[in-house]
């Protein structure tokens, strides 16, 4: 029997995207206060996210639920979330970064033609920055 070698398809274009969420979102089944992180138009062949984290640009007085949504047109589906700890950042206090836990060994795959959006559970005046890095197929 002849063996057929594998033909791996790897991401072709590295990407880095940033979104800033400021308004509170607590309606997880029909959210309205999301911010696009990866546009579907940029994701024509699919994407692999190998790093995703959130970092506040102001005091977080109450633990804050940072949400990640898969976006297909006007439909948003909650696919992950991470809790941003309370912190008052300053000259001697670091901003509390929350990592979603994706890596090269455990990436998040995004289907072709779909986008990603983010939201936060508690409003933050200066916002929470969410950054994604990975590759586009």
N, C-alpha and C. Protein backbone atom coordinates (compact mmCIF):
# COMPACT_ATOMS: atom_id res chain seq x y z
N UNK A 1 0.85 -1.17 0.00
CA UNK A 1 0.00 0.00 0.00
C UNK A 1 0.90 1.24 0.00
N UNK A 2 0.59 2.17 -0.85
CA UNK A 2 1.37 3.39 -0.96
C UNK A 2 0.89 4.40 0.06
N UNK A 3 1.83 4.98 0.77
CA UNK A 3 1.48 6.00 1.76
C UNK A 3 1.47 7.37 1.09
N UNK A 4 0.45 8.16 1.43
CA UNK A 4 0.36 9.53 0.92
C UNK A 4 0.92 10.46 1.99
N UNK A 5 1.92 11.25 1.64
CA UNK A 5 2.49 12.16 2.65
C UNK A 5 1.49 13.26 3.02
N UNK A 6 1.60 13.68 4.25
CA UNK A 6 0.76 14.78 4.72
C UNK A 6 1.17 16.08 4.04
N UNK A 7 0.22 16.94 3.81
CA UNK A 7 0.49 18.26 3.25
C UNK A 7 -0.09 19.30 4.19
N UNK A 8 0.73 19.75 5.13
CA UNK A 8 0.27 20.72 6.12
C UNK A 8 0.04 22.08 5.47
N UNK A 9 -1.04 22.71 5.86
CA UNK A 9 -1.33 24.07 5.43
C UNK A 9 -1.11 24.95 6.65
N UNK A 10 -0.17 25.86 6.54
CA UNK A 10 0.19 26.72 7.66
C UNK A 10 -0.25 28.15 7.38
N UNK A 11 -0.45 28.95 8.43
CA UNK A 11 -0.79 30.36 8.21
C UNK A 11 0.24 31.03 7.31
N UNK A 12 -0.23 31.88 6.41
CA UNK A 12 0.64 32.52 5.44
C UNK A 12 1.02 33.95 5.80
N UNK A 13 0.15 34.63 6.56
CA UNK A 13 0.38 36.04 6.86
C UNK A 13 0.22 36.28 8.36
N UNK A 14 1.28 36.72 9.03
CA UNK A 14 1.13 37.05 10.45
C UNK A 14 0.17 38.24 10.62
N UNK A 15 -0.55 38.26 11.74
CA UNK A 15 -1.40 39.41 12.02
C UNK A 15 -1.33 39.77 13.49
N UNK A 16 -1.61 41.04 13.75
CA UNK A 16 -1.71 41.56 15.11
C UNK A 16 -2.84 42.58 15.09
N UNK A 17 -3.83 42.38 15.94
CA UNK A 17 -4.98 43.28 15.98
C UNK A 17 -5.22 43.74 17.41
N UNK A 18 -5.72 44.97 17.54
CA UNK A 18 -6.01 45.54 18.85
C UNK A 18 -7.39 46.17 18.82
N UNK A 19 -8.14 45.98 19.92
CA UNK A 19 -9.45 46.61 20.08
C UNK A 19 -9.51 47.21 21.48
N UNK A 20 -10.27 48.29 21.63
CA UNK A 20 -10.43 48.92 22.93
C UNK A 20 -11.91 48.94 23.29
N UNK A 21 -12.27 48.22 24.34
CA UNK A 21 -13.65 48.15 24.80
C UNK A 21 -13.83 49.10 25.99
N UNK A 22 -14.90 49.88 26.00
CA UNK A 22 -15.15 50.82 27.10
C UNK A 22 -16.51 50.60 27.76
N UNK A 23 -17.52 50.17 27.00
CA UNK A 23 -18.88 50.04 27.51
C UNK A 23 -19.13 48.65 28.09
N UNK A 24 -19.99 48.57 29.09
CA UNK A 24 -20.31 47.30 29.74
C UNK A 24 -21.22 46.45 28.85
N UNK A 25 -20.98 45.15 28.88
CA UNK A 25 -21.81 44.18 28.15
C UNK A 25 -22.10 43.00 29.07
N UNK A 26 -23.39 42.80 29.38
CA UNK A 26 -23.77 41.68 30.24
C UNK A 26 -24.89 40.84 29.63
N UNK A 27 -25.22 41.08 28.38
CA UNK A 27 -26.23 40.29 27.70
C UNK A 27 -25.51 39.35 26.74
N UNK A 28 -25.00 38.28 27.27
CA UNK A 28 -24.10 37.40 26.53
C UNK A 28 -24.75 36.68 25.36
N UNK A 29 -26.06 36.49 25.39
CA UNK A 29 -26.75 35.80 24.30
C UNK A 29 -27.15 36.74 23.17
N UNK A 30 -27.27 38.04 23.46
CA UNK A 30 -27.57 39.02 22.41
C UNK A 30 -26.82 40.32 22.72
N UNK A 31 -25.50 40.28 22.62
CA UNK A 31 -24.69 41.44 23.01
C UNK A 31 -24.86 42.63 22.06
N UNK A 32 -24.64 43.83 22.61
CA UNK A 32 -24.76 45.03 21.81
C UNK A 32 -23.55 45.96 21.92
N UNK A 33 -22.69 45.75 22.90
CA UNK A 33 -21.55 46.64 23.12
C UNK A 33 -20.22 45.95 22.83
N UNK A 34 -20.10 45.38 21.65
CA UNK A 34 -18.86 44.70 21.27
C UNK A 34 -18.01 45.62 20.40
N UNK A 35 -16.74 45.27 20.33
CA UNK A 35 -15.81 45.99 19.47
C UNK A 35 -15.12 44.94 18.60
N UNK A 36 -15.07 45.18 17.30
CA UNK A 36 -14.41 44.22 16.40
C UNK A 36 -12.92 44.11 16.70
N UNK A 37 -12.44 42.89 16.71
CA UNK A 37 -11.02 42.61 16.91
C UNK A 37 -10.41 42.10 15.61
N UNK A 38 -11.06 41.17 14.96
CA UNK A 38 -10.63 40.65 13.66
C UNK A 38 -11.83 40.70 12.74
N UNK A 39 -11.73 41.45 11.66
CA UNK A 39 -12.84 41.58 10.73
C UNK A 39 -12.97 40.34 9.85
N UNK A 40 -14.18 39.96 9.56
CA UNK A 40 -14.43 38.82 8.68
C UNK A 40 -13.81 39.07 7.30
N UNK A 41 -13.84 40.31 6.84
CA UNK A 41 -13.26 40.66 5.54
C UNK A 41 -11.76 40.41 5.48
N UNK A 42 -11.09 40.48 6.62
CA UNK A 42 -9.65 40.20 6.69
C UNK A 42 -9.36 38.72 6.82
N UNK A 43 -10.38 37.94 7.11
CA UNK A 43 -10.22 36.51 7.40
C UNK A 43 -10.87 35.66 6.31
N UNK A 44 -10.40 35.80 5.09
CA UNK A 44 -11.04 35.10 3.97
C UNK A 44 -10.75 33.61 3.94
N UNK A 45 -9.61 33.18 4.50
CA UNK A 45 -9.25 31.75 4.43
C UNK A 45 -9.12 31.09 5.80
N UNK A 46 -9.46 31.79 6.87
CA UNK A 46 -9.34 31.25 8.21
C UNK A 46 -8.13 31.85 8.93
N UNK A 47 -8.14 31.73 10.25
CA UNK A 47 -7.06 32.32 11.05
C UNK A 47 -6.73 31.41 12.23
N UNK A 48 -5.52 31.57 12.71
CA UNK A 48 -5.07 30.87 13.90
C UNK A 48 -4.55 31.92 14.88
N UNK A 49 -5.20 32.03 16.04
CA UNK A 49 -4.79 32.98 17.07
C UNK A 49 -3.91 32.25 18.06
N UNK A 50 -2.68 32.75 18.22
CA UNK A 50 -1.74 32.10 19.13
C UNK A 50 -1.47 32.92 20.39
N UNK A 51 -2.02 34.12 20.44
CA UNK A 51 -1.86 34.94 21.65
C UNK A 51 -3.05 35.89 21.72
N UNK A 52 -3.65 35.97 22.91
CA UNK A 52 -4.79 36.85 23.13
C UNK A 52 -4.79 37.28 24.59
N UNK A 53 -4.74 38.58 24.82
CA UNK A 53 -4.74 39.07 26.19
C UNK A 53 -5.46 40.40 26.29
N UNK A 54 -5.85 40.77 27.52
CA UNK A 54 -6.52 42.03 27.82
C UNK A 54 -5.72 42.76 28.88
N UNK A 55 -5.67 44.09 28.76
CA UNK A 55 -4.96 44.91 29.73
C UNK A 55 -5.73 46.23 29.90
N UNK A 56 -6.00 46.63 31.15
CA UNK A 56 -6.79 47.84 31.38
C UNK A 56 -5.96 49.12 31.25
N UNK A 57 -6.65 50.18 30.83
CA UNK A 57 -5.99 51.49 30.73
C UNK A 57 -6.45 52.41 31.87
N UNK A 58 -7.06 51.84 32.89
CA UNK A 58 -7.53 52.60 34.05
C UNK A 58 -7.75 51.63 35.20
N UNK A 59 -8.14 52.16 36.33
CA UNK A 59 -8.41 51.35 37.52
C UNK A 59 -9.55 50.37 37.24
N UNK A 60 -9.35 49.15 37.68
CA UNK A 60 -10.39 48.13 37.64
C UNK A 60 -10.81 47.91 39.10
N UNK A 61 -11.96 48.51 39.48
CA UNK A 61 -12.40 48.46 40.86
C UNK A 61 -13.13 47.18 41.23
N UNK A 62 -13.69 46.52 40.22
CA UNK A 62 -14.41 45.27 40.39
C UNK A 62 -13.92 44.31 39.32
N UNK A 63 -13.75 43.06 39.66
CA UNK A 63 -13.32 42.09 38.65
C UNK A 63 -14.17 42.26 37.39
N UNK A 64 -13.53 42.19 36.23
CA UNK A 64 -14.18 42.52 34.97
C UNK A 64 -14.12 41.33 34.01
N UNK A 65 -15.26 40.91 33.53
CA UNK A 65 -15.37 39.78 32.61
C UNK A 65 -15.08 40.26 31.18
N UNK A 66 -13.93 39.88 30.64
CA UNK A 66 -13.57 40.22 29.26
C UNK A 66 -14.06 39.08 28.37
N UNK A 67 -14.91 39.40 27.41
CA UNK A 67 -15.58 38.39 26.59
C UNK A 67 -15.05 38.38 25.17
N UNK A 68 -15.00 37.19 24.60
CA UNK A 68 -14.59 37.00 23.21
C UNK A 68 -15.75 36.38 22.45
N UNK A 69 -16.12 37.01 21.33
CA UNK A 69 -17.23 36.55 20.51
C UNK A 69 -16.75 36.20 19.11
N UNK A 70 -17.32 35.12 18.56
CA UNK A 70 -17.15 34.81 17.15
C UNK A 70 -18.25 35.58 16.43
N UNK A 71 -17.88 36.27 15.36
CA UNK A 71 -18.86 37.09 14.64
C UNK A 71 -19.08 36.55 13.24
N UNK A 72 -20.36 36.32 12.91
CA UNK A 72 -20.76 35.93 11.57
C UNK A 72 -21.86 36.88 11.14
N UNK A 73 -21.50 37.91 10.37
CA UNK A 73 -22.46 38.94 10.01
C UNK A 73 -22.89 39.70 11.26
N UNK A 74 -24.18 39.68 11.57
CA UNK A 74 -24.68 40.36 12.77
C UNK A 74 -24.90 39.39 13.93
N UNK A 75 -24.46 38.15 13.78
CA UNK A 75 -24.61 37.15 14.84
C UNK A 75 -23.31 37.04 15.62
N UNK A 76 -23.41 37.23 16.93
CA UNK A 76 -22.26 37.13 17.83
C UNK A 76 -22.46 35.94 18.75
N UNK A 77 -21.46 35.07 18.81
CA UNK A 77 -21.53 33.89 19.66
C UNK A 77 -20.39 33.95 20.67
N UNK A 78 -20.73 33.95 21.95
CA UNK A 78 -19.72 33.96 23.00
C UNK A 78 -18.92 32.65 22.94
N UNK A 79 -17.58 32.77 22.78
CA UNK A 79 -16.76 31.56 22.69
C UNK A 79 -15.72 31.46 23.79
N UNK A 80 -15.46 32.55 24.52
CA UNK A 80 -14.49 32.49 25.60
C UNK A 80 -14.60 33.75 26.45
N UNK A 81 -14.09 33.68 27.66
CA UNK A 81 -13.99 34.87 28.50
C UNK A 81 -12.88 34.65 29.52
N UNK A 82 -12.39 35.75 30.06
CA UNK A 82 -11.35 35.72 31.07
C UNK A 82 -11.66 36.83 32.06
N UNK A 83 -11.27 36.62 33.31
CA UNK A 83 -11.55 37.61 34.34
C UNK A 83 -10.34 38.51 34.55
N UNK A 84 -10.57 39.81 34.43
CA UNK A 84 -9.54 40.82 34.65
C UNK A 84 -9.62 41.22 36.12
N UNK A 85 -8.53 41.04 36.85
CA UNK A 85 -8.50 41.28 38.29
C UNK A 85 -8.54 42.77 38.62
N UNK A 86 -8.95 43.08 39.83
CA UNK A 86 -8.97 44.46 40.29
C UNK A 86 -7.53 44.98 40.40
N UNK A 87 -7.35 46.24 40.02
CA UNK A 87 -6.02 46.84 40.07
C UNK A 87 -6.16 48.36 39.93
N UNK A 88 -5.27 49.08 40.58
CA UNK A 88 -5.13 50.51 40.37
C UNK A 88 -3.73 50.73 39.83
N UNK A 89 -3.56 50.71 38.50
CA UNK A 89 -2.24 50.83 37.92
C UNK A 89 -1.66 52.22 38.16
N UNK A 90 -0.37 52.27 38.26
CA UNK A 90 0.31 53.54 38.46
C UNK A 90 1.78 53.39 38.19
N UNK A 91 2.55 54.35 38.67
CA UNK A 91 3.99 54.36 38.43
C UNK A 91 4.69 53.13 39.01
N UNK A 92 4.16 52.59 40.09
CA UNK A 92 4.81 51.43 40.71
C UNK A 92 3.90 50.20 40.78
N UNK A 93 2.76 50.26 40.10
CA UNK A 93 1.82 49.13 40.06
C UNK A 93 1.51 48.81 38.61
N UNK A 94 1.84 47.60 38.19
CA UNK A 94 1.62 47.19 36.80
C UNK A 94 0.13 47.03 36.50
N UNK A 95 -0.22 47.27 35.26
CA UNK A 95 -1.58 46.99 34.81
C UNK A 95 -1.78 45.48 34.85
N UNK A 96 -2.97 45.03 35.25
CA UNK A 96 -3.24 43.60 35.42
C UNK A 96 -3.60 42.96 34.09
N UNK A 97 -2.65 42.32 33.47
CA UNK A 97 -2.91 41.66 32.18
C UNK A 97 -3.62 40.33 32.42
N UNK A 98 -4.63 40.05 31.62
CA UNK A 98 -5.35 38.77 31.68
C UNK A 98 -5.14 38.05 30.36
N UNK A 99 -4.58 36.87 30.43
CA UNK A 99 -4.25 36.07 29.25
C UNK A 99 -5.35 35.04 29.01
N UNK A 100 -5.83 34.94 27.78
CA UNK A 100 -6.85 33.95 27.45
C UNK A 100 -6.27 32.54 27.38
N UNK A 101 -4.96 32.41 27.31
CA UNK A 101 -4.33 31.09 27.37
C UNK A 101 -4.04 30.43 26.04
N UNK A 102 -4.23 31.11 24.93
CA UNK A 102 -3.91 30.52 23.63
C UNK A 102 -2.41 30.60 23.39
N UNK A 103 -1.89 29.65 22.63
CA UNK A 103 -0.45 29.61 22.35
C UNK A 103 -0.23 28.89 21.02
N UNK A 104 1.03 28.80 20.62
CA UNK A 104 1.36 28.04 19.40
C UNK A 104 0.94 26.58 19.55
N UNK A 105 1.03 26.05 20.77
CA UNK A 105 0.66 24.66 21.03
C UNK A 105 -0.84 24.46 21.23
N UNK A 106 -1.55 25.52 21.61
CA UNK A 106 -2.99 25.44 21.85
C UNK A 106 -3.65 26.70 21.30
N UNK A 107 -3.72 26.81 19.96
CA UNK A 107 -4.26 28.03 19.35
C UNK A 107 -5.79 28.03 19.29
N UNK A 108 -6.32 29.18 18.98
CA UNK A 108 -7.74 29.33 18.67
C UNK A 108 -7.86 29.41 17.16
N UNK A 109 -8.68 28.55 16.58
CA UNK A 109 -8.90 28.58 15.13
C UNK A 109 -10.19 29.34 14.85
N UNK A 110 -10.13 30.23 13.87
CA UNK A 110 -11.29 31.02 13.47
C UNK A 110 -11.64 30.62 12.04
N UNK A 111 -12.88 30.22 11.82
CA UNK A 111 -13.32 29.77 10.50
C UNK A 111 -13.21 30.89 9.47
N UNK A 112 -12.98 30.49 8.24
CA UNK A 112 -12.91 31.45 7.12
C UNK A 112 -14.21 32.24 7.05
N UNK A 113 -14.08 33.55 6.85
CA UNK A 113 -15.24 34.40 6.71
C UNK A 113 -15.87 34.83 8.02
N UNK A 114 -15.31 34.41 9.14
CA UNK A 114 -15.81 34.80 10.45
C UNK A 114 -14.86 35.83 11.06
N UNK A 115 -15.38 36.63 11.96
CA UNK A 115 -14.56 37.60 12.67
C UNK A 115 -14.58 37.35 14.15
N UNK A 116 -13.84 38.17 14.88
CA UNK A 116 -13.81 38.12 16.33
C UNK A 116 -14.16 39.50 16.86
N UNK A 117 -14.88 39.54 17.97
CA UNK A 117 -15.22 40.79 18.63
C UNK A 117 -15.03 40.59 20.13
N UNK A 118 -14.85 41.69 20.84
CA UNK A 118 -14.63 41.62 22.29
C UNK A 118 -15.57 42.58 23.00
N UNK A 119 -15.77 42.32 24.29
CA UNK A 119 -16.58 43.18 25.14
C UNK A 119 -16.09 43.02 26.57
N UNK A 120 -16.51 43.95 27.43
CA UNK A 120 -16.16 43.88 28.85
C UNK A 120 -17.42 43.95 29.69
N UNK A 121 -17.40 43.32 30.86
CA UNK A 121 -18.58 43.24 31.71
C UNK A 121 -18.87 44.50 32.51
N UNK A 122 -17.82 45.27 32.83
CA UNK A 122 -17.96 46.50 33.60
C UNK A 122 -17.32 47.62 32.80
N UNK A 123 -18.03 48.73 32.65
CA UNK A 123 -17.50 49.86 31.88
C UNK A 123 -16.20 50.38 32.50
N UNK A 124 -15.26 50.74 31.64
CA UNK A 124 -13.99 51.32 32.05
C UNK A 124 -13.79 52.57 31.20
N UNK A 125 -13.70 53.73 31.86
CA UNK A 125 -13.65 55.01 31.14
C UNK A 125 -12.57 55.07 30.07
N UNK A 126 -11.38 54.66 30.39
CA UNK A 126 -10.28 54.70 29.41
C UNK A 126 -10.18 53.40 28.61
N UNK A 127 -10.98 52.43 28.95
CA UNK A 127 -11.06 51.20 28.18
C UNK A 127 -10.13 50.09 28.61
N UNK A 128 -10.42 48.95 28.07
CA UNK A 128 -9.60 47.74 28.21
C UNK A 128 -9.11 47.40 26.81
N UNK A 129 -7.82 47.27 26.65
CA UNK A 129 -7.22 46.91 25.37
C UNK A 129 -7.19 45.39 25.26
N UNK A 130 -7.66 44.87 24.15
CA UNK A 130 -7.56 43.43 23.88
C UNK A 130 -6.71 43.29 22.63
N UNK A 131 -5.69 42.45 22.73
CA UNK A 131 -4.76 42.26 21.61
C UNK A 131 -4.72 40.80 21.21
N UNK A 132 -4.78 40.57 19.89
CA UNK A 132 -4.70 39.23 19.33
C UNK A 132 -3.52 39.17 18.37
N UNK A 133 -2.81 38.07 18.39
CA UNK A 133 -1.71 37.83 17.45
C UNK A 133 -1.84 36.42 16.92
N UNK A 134 -1.45 36.24 15.69
CA UNK A 134 -1.52 34.92 15.08
C UNK A 134 -1.21 34.98 13.61
N UNK A 135 -1.86 34.13 12.84
CA UNK A 135 -1.61 34.05 11.42
C UNK A 135 -2.89 33.83 10.64
N UNK A 136 -2.93 34.40 9.43
CA UNK A 136 -4.04 34.20 8.51
C UNK A 136 -3.65 33.16 7.48
N UNK A 137 -4.58 32.26 7.17
CA UNK A 137 -4.32 31.23 6.16
C UNK A 137 -4.49 31.79 4.77
